[in-house]
Protein backbone atom coordinates (compact mmCIF):
# COMPACT_ATOMS: atom_id res chain seq x y z
CA UNK A 1 -34.15 -4.87 3.42
CA UNK A 2 -34.27 -6.05 7.27
CA UNK A 3 -35.30 -4.11 10.06
CA UNK A 4 -31.67 -4.33 11.20
CA UNK A 5 -30.40 -2.90 7.67
CA UNK A 6 -32.84 -0.03 8.20
CA UNK A 7 -31.56 0.57 11.76
CA UNK A 8 -28.05 0.61 10.39
CA UNK A 9 -28.64 3.07 7.66
CA UNK A 10 -30.77 5.43 9.85
CA UNK A 11 -27.89 5.45 12.31
CA UNK A 12 -25.30 6.22 9.41
CA UNK A 13 -27.35 8.70 7.93
CA UNK A 14 -27.97 10.52 11.24
CA UNK A 15 -24.26 10.70 12.17
CA UNK A 16 -23.07 11.45 8.65
CA UNK A 17 -21.59 15.10 9.30
CA UNK A 18 -20.07 14.17 12.53
CA UNK A 19 -18.35 11.23 10.77
CA UNK A 20 -17.05 13.35 7.90
CA UNK A 21 -15.72 15.99 10.38
CA UNK A 22 -13.75 13.33 12.13
CA UNK A 23 -12.41 12.18 8.81
CA UNK A 24 -11.24 15.71 7.96
CA UNK A 25 -9.69 15.84 11.50
CA UNK A 26 -7.42 12.70 10.75
CA UNK A 27 -6.22 13.83 7.63
CA UNK A 28 -5.20 17.27 9.08
CA UNK A 29 -2.40 15.40 11.11
CA UNK A 30 0.80 15.27 8.75
CA UNK A 31 1.80 11.94 9.78
CA UNK A 32 4.63 11.25 7.16
CA UNK A 33 6.33 8.38 8.57
CA UNK A 34 9.33 8.77 6.31
CA UNK A 35 10.51 11.80 7.68
CA UNK A 36 11.97 12.20 11.13
CA UNK A 37 10.70 15.49 11.67
CA UNK A 38 7.22 14.32 11.42
CA UNK A 39 7.67 11.71 14.38
CA UNK A 40 5.41 13.75 16.82
CA UNK A 41 2.70 14.00 14.21
CA UNK A 42 2.73 10.10 13.87
CA UNK A 43 2.49 9.60 17.63
CA UNK A 44 -0.29 12.35 17.67
CA UNK A 45 -2.12 10.41 14.91
CA UNK A 46 -1.82 7.39 16.83
CA UNK A 47 -3.10 9.01 20.01
CA UNK A 48 -5.96 10.48 18.11
CA UNK A 49 -6.97 7.16 16.45
CA UNK A 50 -6.90 5.33 19.85
CA UNK A 51 -9.41 7.85 21.21
CA UNK A 52 -11.62 7.34 18.27
CA UNK A 53 -11.35 3.58 18.51
CA UNK A 54 -12.24 3.68 22.32
CA UNK A 55 -15.48 6.01 21.57
CA UNK A 56 -16.38 3.51 18.90
CA UNK A 57 -16.63 0.87 21.44
CA UNK A 58 -13.18 -1.02 20.95
CA UNK A 59 -11.65 -2.43 24.08
CA UNK A 60 -8.13 -3.25 25.36
CA UNK A 61 -7.04 -0.10 23.18
CA UNK A 62 -3.15 0.27 23.49
CA UNK A 63 -0.64 2.65 21.81
CA UNK A 64 1.90 0.01 21.52
CA UNK A 65 5.78 1.12 21.39
CA UNK A 66 7.68 -0.44 18.49
CA UNK A 67 11.08 1.27 18.64
CA UNK A 68 9.67 3.46 15.85
CA UNK A 69 6.21 4.99 15.04
CA UNK A 70 3.43 3.19 17.46
CA UNK A 71 1.28 0.60 16.59
CA UNK A 72 -2.37 1.12 17.77
CA UNK A 73 -4.09 -2.23 18.97
CA UNK A 74 -7.78 -2.51 20.21
CA UNK A 75 -10.36 -5.45 19.93
CA UNK A 76 -13.80 -6.56 20.54
CA UNK A 77 -13.98 -10.35 21.75
CA UNK A 78 -17.54 -11.19 22.79
CA UNK A 79 -18.63 -13.66 20.17
CA UNK A 80 -18.13 -16.92 21.54
CA UNK A 81 -17.40 -19.80 19.17
CA UNK A 82 -17.56 -17.29 16.25
CA UNK A 83 -14.64 -16.41 13.77
CA UNK A 84 -11.89 -14.26 14.80
CA UNK A 85 -10.53 -11.49 12.32
CA UNK A 86 -7.54 -9.17 12.49
CA UNK A 87 -8.18 -6.16 10.86
CA UNK A 88 -5.00 -4.12 9.65
CA UNK A 89 -4.49 -0.76 8.24
CA UNK A 90 -1.92 2.16 8.67
CA UNK A 91 -2.24 5.78 9.78
CA UNK A 92 0.96 7.16 8.21
CA UNK A 93 1.16 8.65 4.92
CA UNK A 94 3.39 9.46 1.99
CA UNK A 95 5.34 12.85 1.59
CA UNK A 96 3.41 15.48 -0.25
CA UNK A 97 6.01 16.48 -3.19
CA UNK A 98 5.74 18.25 -5.50
CA UNK A 99 4.04 20.52 -3.39
CA UNK A 100 2.95 23.11 -6.10
CA UNK A 101 0.78 20.49 -7.85
CA UNK A 102 -1.71 20.26 -5.08
CA UNK A 103 -5.06 22.02 -5.22
CA UNK A 104 -4.69 23.42 -1.79
CA UNK A 105 -2.36 22.61 1.18
CA UNK A 106 -2.09 18.54 1.36
CA UNK A 107 -3.06 18.69 5.20
CA UNK A 108 -6.14 20.95 4.73
CA UNK A 109 -8.41 18.49 3.32
CA UNK A 110 -11.81 19.39 1.85
CA UNK A 111 -14.94 17.84 0.06
CA UNK A 112 -15.37 18.45 -3.81
CA UNK A 113 -17.63 16.38 -6.07
CA UNK A 114 -18.40 13.85 -3.69
CA UNK A 115 -14.66 13.36 -2.90
CA UNK A 116 -12.46 13.99 0.03
CA UNK A 117 -9.23 15.54 -1.23
CA UNK A 118 -6.14 15.50 1.12
CA UNK A 119 -2.97 13.27 1.82
CA UNK A 120 -4.26 9.97 3.37
CA UNK A 121 -7.68 10.39 1.95
CA UNK A 122 -7.54 6.94 0.55
CA UNK A 123 -4.20 5.73 1.63
CA UNK A 124 -5.02 4.65 4.24
CA UNK A 125 -6.51 6.98 6.57
CA UNK A 126 -10.17 6.87 4.84
CA UNK A 127 -10.07 3.14 4.90
CA UNK A 128 -8.92 2.82 8.81
CA UNK A 129 -11.64 5.18 9.55
CA UNK A 130 -14.26 3.18 7.57
CA UNK A 131 -13.65 0.25 9.79
CA UNK A 132 -13.76 2.22 12.98
CA UNK A 133 -17.10 3.82 11.97
CA UNK A 134 -18.32 -0.08 11.13
CA UNK A 135 -17.43 -0.93 14.38
CA UNK A 136 -19.34 2.15 15.92
CA UNK A 137 -22.47 1.63 13.86
CA UNK A 138 -22.82 -2.10 14.38
CA UNK A 139 -22.62 -1.54 18.16
CA UNK A 140 -25.00 1.29 18.39
CA UNK A 141 -27.65 -0.57 16.14
CA UNK A 142 -26.87 -4.15 17.33
CA UNK A 143 -25.14 -3.85 20.59
CA UNK A 144 -22.57 -6.49 19.78
CA UNK A 145 -20.53 -8.15 16.81
CA UNK A 146 -21.20 -11.59 15.14
CA UNK A 147 -17.49 -12.04 15.04
CA UNK A 148 -14.66 -11.20 17.14
CA UNK A 149 -12.39 -8.23 15.74
CA UNK A 150 -8.76 -7.29 16.63
CA UNK A 151 -7.56 -4.11 15.03
CA UNK A 152 -3.75 -3.41 14.22
CA UNK A 153 -3.29 -0.11 12.75
CA UNK A 154 0.58 0.73 12.14
CA UNK A 155 2.56 3.99 11.62
CA UNK A 156 5.23 3.01 9.33
CA UNK A 157 3.60 1.14 6.40
CA UNK A 158 4.80 3.99 4.10
CA UNK A 159 8.21 3.52 5.29
CA UNK A 160 8.64 -0.23 4.75
CA UNK A 161 7.09 -1.37 8.11
CA UNK A 162 10.47 -1.85 9.57
CA UNK A 163 9.57 -2.66 13.12
CA UNK A 164 6.48 -4.78 12.23
CA UNK A 165 7.52 -7.93 11.91
CA UNK A 166 9.19 -7.86 15.36
CA UNK A 167 6.02 -6.78 16.87
CA UNK A 168 4.05 -9.34 15.05
CA UNK A 169 6.42 -12.10 16.55
CA UNK A 170 6.25 -10.56 19.91
CA UNK A 171 2.42 -10.78 19.73
CA UNK A 172 1.55 -13.96 17.95
CA UNK A 173 -0.52 -15.22 20.73
CA UNK A 174 -2.44 -11.89 21.20
CA UNK A 175 -3.25 -11.96 17.42
CA UNK A 176 -4.38 -15.42 17.10
CA UNK A 177 -7.40 -15.56 14.58
CA UNK A 178 -8.81 -17.20 11.66
CA UNK A 179 -8.12 -14.79 8.90
CA UNK A 180 -6.68 -11.37 8.77
CA UNK A 181 -8.56 -8.52 6.77
CA UNK A 182 -6.46 -5.54 5.00
CA UNK A 183 -8.08 -2.56 3.85
CA UNK A 184 -5.31 -0.98 2.05
CA UNK A 185 -6.30 -1.64 -1.83
CA UNK A 186 -8.83 -0.39 -4.24
CA UNK A 187 -11.44 -1.12 -6.80
CA UNK A 188 -10.86 -1.71 -10.50
CA UNK A 189 -10.57 0.71 -13.24
CA UNK A 190 -14.15 3.00 -13.32
CA UNK A 191 -14.57 2.39 -9.66
CA UNK A 192 -15.72 -1.12 -10.42
CA UNK A 193 -15.95 -2.84 -6.99
CA UNK A 194 -13.27 -5.54 -6.68
CA UNK A 195 -11.74 -7.89 -4.42
CA UNK A 196 -7.62 -7.98 -4.73
CA UNK A 197 -6.39 -11.46 -4.55
CA UNK A 198 -2.73 -10.51 -5.38
CA UNK A 199 -0.12 -7.74 -4.50
CA UNK A 200 3.33 -7.41 -5.59
CA UNK A 201 6.17 -7.31 -3.09
CA UNK A 202 8.95 -4.71 -2.91
CA UNK A 203 12.63 -4.13 -2.60
CA UNK A 204 14.04 -0.58 -2.33
CA UNK A 205 17.69 0.38 -2.65
CA UNK A 206 19.69 3.55 -2.70
CA UNK A 207 22.71 4.05 -5.00
CA UNK A 208 25.54 6.48 -3.92
CA UNK A 209 28.45 7.26 -6.45
CA UNK A 210 31.48 9.11 -5.19
CA UNK A 211 34.32 10.56 -7.01
CA UNK A 212 36.58 13.36 -5.51
CA UNK A 213 35.94 14.46 -1.88
CA UNK A 214 34.75 17.83 -3.36
CA UNK A 215 33.32 19.17 -6.49
CA UNK A 216 36.05 19.79 -9.39
CA UNK A 217 36.42 22.73 -11.96
CA UNK A 218 35.07 20.91 -15.20
CA UNK A 219 37.62 22.76 -17.39
CA UNK A 220 40.64 21.78 -15.13
CA UNK A 221 39.52 18.49 -14.28
CA UNK A 222 37.09 17.23 -17.19
CA UNK A 223 38.48 14.35 -19.06
CA UNK A 224 40.86 13.49 -16.38
CA UNK A 225 38.50 12.09 -13.60
CA UNK A 226 35.30 10.35 -13.99
CA UNK A 227 32.27 12.08 -13.18
CA UNK A 228 29.86 10.52 -10.82
CA UNK A 229 26.88 11.65 -12.54
CA UNK A 230 28.03 10.15 -15.68
CA UNK A 231 28.81 7.15 -13.95
CA UNK A 232 25.63 6.82 -12.26
CA UNK A 233 23.85 7.33 -15.57
CA UNK A 234 25.92 4.36 -17.10
CA UNK A 235 24.89 2.17 -14.29
CA UNK A 236 21.13 3.22 -14.62
CA UNK A 237 21.27 2.69 -18.33
CA UNK A 238 22.57 -0.93 -17.86
CA UNK A 239 19.72 -2.02 -15.45
CA UNK A 240 17.03 -2.44 -18.22
CA UNK A 241 17.12 -3.35 -21.74
CA UNK A 242 14.96 -1.60 -24.65
CA UNK A 243 12.69 -4.71 -24.18
CA UNK A 244 11.71 -3.63 -20.84
CA UNK A 245 13.36 -6.57 -19.55
CA UNK A 246 15.57 -6.23 -16.46
CA UNK A 247 19.41 -7.20 -17.03
CA UNK A 248 20.11 -8.23 -13.58
CA UNK A 249 21.48 -11.72 -13.70
CA UNK A 250 19.16 -13.93 -11.80
CA UNK A 251 16.43 -11.41 -11.66
CA UNK A 252 13.70 -13.50 -13.06
CA UNK A 253 14.70 -17.24 -11.54
CA UNK A 254 11.94 -17.27 -9.00
CA UNK A 255 9.34 -15.64 -10.91
CA UNK A 256 6.26 -17.94 -11.11
CA UNK A 257 5.26 -18.03 -14.94
CA UNK A 258 1.69 -16.96 -15.84
CA UNK A 259 -0.43 -19.67 -16.46
CA UNK A 260 -3.01 -20.03 -19.18
CA UNK A 261 -5.91 -19.82 -16.97
CA UNK A 262 -4.23 -16.52 -15.24
CA UNK A 263 -3.73 -14.76 -18.55
CA UNK A 264 -7.39 -15.65 -19.36
CA UNK A 265 -8.69 -14.23 -16.25
CA UNK A 266 -6.35 -10.93 -17.16
CA UNK A 267 -7.85 -10.81 -20.42
CA UNK A 268 -11.50 -11.24 -19.23
CA UNK A 269 -11.37 -8.20 -17.15
CA UNK A 270 -13.30 -5.11 -18.62
CA UNK A 271 -10.23 -2.87 -19.27
CA UNK A 272 -9.94 -0.10 -21.81
CA UNK A 273 -6.47 0.51 -22.48
CA UNK A 274 -6.73 3.56 -24.37
CA UNK A 275 -8.69 5.11 -21.54
CA UNK A 276 -6.33 4.07 -19.17
CA UNK A 277 -3.36 5.77 -21.24
CA UNK A 278 -5.32 8.77 -21.70
CA UNK A 279 -5.97 8.90 -17.88
CA UNK A 280 -2.23 8.64 -17.03
CA UNK A 281 -1.19 11.54 -19.27
CA UNK A 282 1.51 9.63 -20.99
CA UNK A 283 1.85 9.58 -25.00
CA UNK A 284 2.19 5.58 -24.98
CA UNK A 285 2.11 2.82 -22.55
CA UNK A 286 5.53 0.72 -22.09
CA UNK A 287 6.66 -2.05 -20.55
CA UNK A 288 8.17 -5.52 -20.75
CA UNK A 289 7.50 -7.11 -24.29
CA UNK A 290 5.26 -10.10 -24.55
CA UNK A 291 2.83 -9.30 -21.92
CA UNK A 292 -0.39 -7.09 -21.75
CA UNK A 293 -0.72 -3.74 -19.59
CA UNK A 294 -2.87 -5.71 -16.91
CA UNK A 295 -0.25 -8.57 -17.01
CA UNK A 296 2.59 -6.00 -16.24
CA UNK A 297 0.78 -4.10 -13.84
CA UNK A 298 -0.32 -6.92 -11.68
CA UNK A 299 1.67 -10.22 -12.28
CA UNK A 300 5.42 -9.15 -13.49
CA UNK A 301 8.20 -7.64 -11.65
CA UNK A 302 9.90 -4.30 -12.17
CA UNK A 303 12.75 -2.11 -11.72
CA UNK A 304 12.32 1.55 -11.72
CA UNK A 305 14.36 4.84 -10.66
CA UNK A 306 12.46 6.86 -8.03
CA UNK A 307 14.82 9.80 -7.88
CA UNK A 308 18.12 10.83 -8.93
CA UNK A 309 20.36 13.95 -7.84
CA UNK A 310 23.73 15.24 -7.65
CA UNK A 311 25.65 18.33 -8.77
CA UNK A 312 24.39 21.91 -9.22
CA UNK A 313 20.61 22.23 -9.26
CA UNK A 314 20.16 25.86 -9.40
CA UNK A 315 19.27 28.41 -11.95
CA UNK A 316 21.92 29.29 -14.68
CA UNK A 317 25.36 27.14 -15.13
CA UNK A 318 27.99 26.12 -12.70
CA UNK A 319 30.92 24.27 -14.37
CA UNK A 320 31.64 21.36 -12.11
CA UNK A 321 32.21 17.99 -11.89
CA UNK A 322 30.14 16.84 -8.82
CA UNK A 323 31.68 14.98 -5.98
CA UNK A 324 28.80 12.65 -5.70
CA UNK A 325 25.69 11.27 -7.30
CA UNK A 326 22.61 9.47 -5.91
CA UNK A 327 19.62 7.27 -7.04
CA UNK A 328 16.72 5.60 -5.45
CA UNK A 329 15.45 2.64 -6.95
CA UNK A 330 12.40 0.35 -6.10
CA UNK A 331 11.81 -3.10 -7.46
CA UNK A 332 8.18 -4.74 -7.45
CA UNK A 333 8.20 -8.18 -7.01
CA UNK A 334 6.01 -11.23 -7.59
CA UNK A 335 5.60 -14.78 -6.40
CA UNK A 336 8.09 -16.38 -5.32
CA UNK A 337 10.53 -13.43 -5.58
CA UNK A 338 12.34 -12.80 -2.26
CA UNK A 339 13.21 -9.19 -1.46
CA UNK A 340 16.67 -9.86 0.28
CA UNK A 341 17.82 -12.13 -2.78
CA UNK A 342 16.77 -9.31 -5.23
CA UNK A 343 18.48 -6.40 -3.43
CA UNK A 344 21.58 -8.68 -3.09
CA UNK A 345 21.38 -9.43 -6.85
CA UNK A 346 20.74 -5.73 -7.91
CA UNK A 347 23.78 -4.63 -5.56
CA UNK A 348 25.88 -7.28 -6.96
CA UNK A 349 25.22 -6.26 -10.65
CA UNK A 350 25.47 -2.44 -10.04
CA UNK A 351 29.01 -3.00 -8.58
CA UNK A 352 29.76 -4.90 -11.55
CA UNK A 353 28.64 -2.67 -14.09
CA UNK A 354 30.13 0.52 -12.37
CA UNK A 355 32.63 2.22 -14.69
CA UNK A 356 36.30 2.77 -13.23
CA UNK A 357 37.11 5.91 -11.46
CA UNK A 358 34.25 6.15 -8.94
CA UNK A 359 33.29 4.30 -5.82
CA UNK A 360 29.78 2.89 -5.41
CA UNK A 361 27.69 2.09 -2.61
CA UNK A 362 24.24 0.33 -2.42
CA UNK A 363 22.17 0.69 0.47
CA UNK A 364 19.13 -1.68 1.32
CA UNK A 365 16.04 0.56 2.17
CA UNK A 366 13.65 -2.34 3.12
CA UNK A 367 11.31 -4.78 1.38
CA UNK A 368 8.27 -6.90 1.44
CA UNK A 369 7.07 -10.16 0.01
CA UNK A 370 4.24 -10.37 -2.72
CA UNK A 371 1.14 -11.83 -1.91
CA UNK A 372 -1.59 -14.18 -3.63
CA UNK A 373 -4.79 -15.27 -2.07
CA UNK A 374 -6.89 -18.12 -3.67
CA UNK A 375 -10.16 -16.86 -5.10
CA UNK A 376 -11.80 -19.95 -3.88
CA UNK A 377 -10.92 -19.16 -0.10
CA UNK A 378 -14.28 -19.19 1.64
CA UNK A 379 -13.11 -15.87 3.56
CA UNK A 380 -12.48 -14.45 -0.29
CA UNK A 381 -15.91 -15.69 -1.36
CA UNK A 382 -17.62 -14.20 1.80
CA UNK A 383 -15.93 -10.85 0.87
CA UNK A 384 -17.35 -10.99 -2.61
CA UNK A 385 -20.89 -11.53 -1.10
CA UNK A 386 -20.64 -8.68 0.98
CA UNK A 387 -19.58 -6.36 -1.68
CA UNK A 388 -22.44 -7.63 -3.93
CA UNK A 389 -25.00 -7.28 -0.91
CA UNK A 390 -23.85 -3.62 -0.32
CA UNK A 391 -22.57 -2.16 -3.82
CA UNK A 392 -25.04 -4.08 -5.66
CA UNK A 393 -22.70 -5.65 -8.34
CA UNK A 394 -20.67 -8.61 -8.34
CA UNK A 395 -17.17 -7.93 -7.57
CA UNK A 396 -14.20 -8.62 -9.79
CA UNK A 397 -11.03 -10.55 -8.87
CA UNK A 398 -7.88 -8.44 -9.60
CA UNK A 399 -4.44 -8.36 -8.92
CA UNK A 400 -2.91 -5.11 -8.13
CA UNK A 401 0.88 -3.62 -8.65
CA UNK A 402 1.25 -2.03 -5.41
CA UNK A 403 2.81 -3.76 -2.20
CA UNK A 404 1.43 -4.18 1.29
CA UNK A 405 4.31 -6.15 3.11
CA UNK A 406 2.21 -6.90 6.09
CA UNK A 407 0.23 -9.65 3.87
CA UNK A 408 3.05 -11.79 3.68
CA UNK A 409 3.89 -10.93 7.47
CA UNK A 410 0.57 -12.23 8.27
CA UNK A 411 0.87 -15.30 6.47
CA UNK A 412 4.51 -16.37 7.69
CA UNK A 413 4.51 -15.04 11.31
CA UNK A 414 1.06 -15.38 12.41
CA UNK A 415 -0.03 -17.83 10.12
CA UNK A 416 -3.30 -16.22 8.80
CA UNK A 417 -4.90 -16.22 5.51
CA UNK A 418 -5.29 -12.63 4.00
CA UNK A 419 -8.19 -10.99 2.46
CA UNK A 420 -7.57 -7.63 0.85
CA UNK A 421 -11.12 -5.79 1.32
CA UNK A 422 -10.20 -2.46 -0.10
CA UNK A 423 -12.36 0.47 -1.22
CA UNK A 424 -10.23 3.26 -2.70
CA UNK A 425 -11.30 4.59 -6.15
CA UNK A 426 -9.08 3.45 -8.86
CA UNK A 427 -8.12 7.46 -9.54
CA UNK A 428 -7.13 8.19 -5.83
CA UNK A 429 -3.93 9.52 -6.77
CA UNK A 430 -2.42 7.82 -3.72
CA UNK A 431 1.22 8.76 -3.23
CA UNK A 432 0.69 11.86 -5.64
CA UNK A 433 -0.56 15.31 -5.54
CA UNK A 434 -4.40 15.77 -5.00
CA UNK A 435 -4.97 12.09 -3.46
CA UNK A 436 -8.67 11.85 -2.98
CA UNK A 437 -11.49 9.23 -1.99
CA UNK A 438 -14.89 8.82 -3.33
CA UNK A 439 -17.23 9.46 -0.22
CA UNK A 440 -19.97 6.95 -1.46
CA UNK A 441 -17.01 4.43 -1.36
CA UNK A 442 -16.45 5.14 2.25
CA UNK A 443 -19.90 5.08 3.17
CA UNK A 444 -20.89 2.12 1.34
CA UNK A 445 -17.62 0.51 2.65
CA UNK A 446 -18.97 0.94 6.11
CA UNK A 447 -22.17 -1.05 5.28
CA UNK A 448 -19.76 -3.56 3.32
CA UNK A 449 -17.67 -4.26 6.60
CA UNK A 450 -20.68 -4.84 8.65
CA UNK A 451 -22.28 -7.32 6.17
CA UNK A 452 -18.76 -9.13 6.00
CA UNK A 453 -18.92 -9.76 9.53
CA UNK A 454 -22.15 -11.40 9.09
CA UNK A 455 -21.16 -13.46 6.04
CA UNK A 456 -18.03 -14.78 8.14
CA UNK A 457 -20.32 -15.60 11.09
CA UNK A 458 -22.42 -17.55 8.78
CA UNK A 459 -19.45 -19.27 7.26
CA UNK A 460 -18.22 -20.40 10.75
CA UNK A 461 -15.07 -21.44 12.02
CA UNK A 462 -14.93 -24.58 10.48
CA UNK A 463 -16.14 -23.27 7.49
CA UNK A 464 -13.18 -20.87 7.15
CA UNK A 465 -10.69 -23.75 7.58
CA UNK A 466 -11.86 -25.37 4.67
CA UNK A 467 -10.06 -23.50 2.04
CA UNK A 468 -11.64 -24.34 -1.35
């Protein structure tokens, strides 16, 4: 252990309680980007984060207007000739429903059994703060960073990042760098350290089925008019077959098939399928025939119903034919699927299979492209070395089923390779009640980020441009 490492550890230990208190304060801000009433909270979270970044030593900190929730930018650019990194995270969070399944109020975080529990603890406020604290600790113990870092923390990731691409386009020169680092992913099952090399994309839609302009008496009109709820159920049933295959024509046309080496890599991961099933609480795992659970989770596309509503929802009965019915759908996409094309294909299919007697409208809710980073890229290898130095184990390379649309945006708009350096525990319950983050992941993750900057500096600009 070097004197520098000892100094870093001593600093982090000395300020542990202050760091935790700030983390909890961040989680208390209900920055739900998808609910308009929380727009002031998103603004408050952005301003709070900007203040934290300034205190940590970031320069040129700015709360940037986007036309929606702001982006927080800051940088530290004093390492002449060294690599430049863009660090991305998001301060917005998911809605909290179902509220009655939370151990406590979602925005009243607490610490229990070595975890921080609260909405945003892992996705992604904990990982954003991890980077801010790594900056603070490195500057406090060394006085400088070995690389140049530009921070981009957005407030709309959980609502399709609708203004992000335009902001990236407008700030392409400002964001010039050698790579982007995104900390919005996690470890493998059993909290095994991992580097995520692939993420699925997403296409989100909302389906509206309308009948009469008002609810009708089911005795007077049953059998005479089509019921929008029945019609919606017919549409939904037509989307997938019993083999788990999506029936939308053309849906699989652009899917890159899994090569033999890809399937071998999935098979080599230390995965206990029965333990995974038990942890989910389902009676059996289910999915597309012909693929393993890990292949389906990380490398095959999906189509899922996320919500459905319409008609009477109260206690007891009410004999009506509802005027309308609605559903939300998301498709997870893999290379080389395009979210706009998938949206068009699903919309056309829904309109084609819709039964007579109702009108159907399908609205696009946004999307993002899939991402795949080569294991051999020097920046990926440097991340693995940093994890091994701090966590003490060689990380796995994994593909995850979630989506971080900015991966593809960094690649296509800013021209940067992306390294997914996430630290969330695999059982974090992100997007669900009782979201949590293992504190040891945060604390060791801070050290990993500092070690990663050292590894990138040692690799050098030319080394990073020699991609495997």
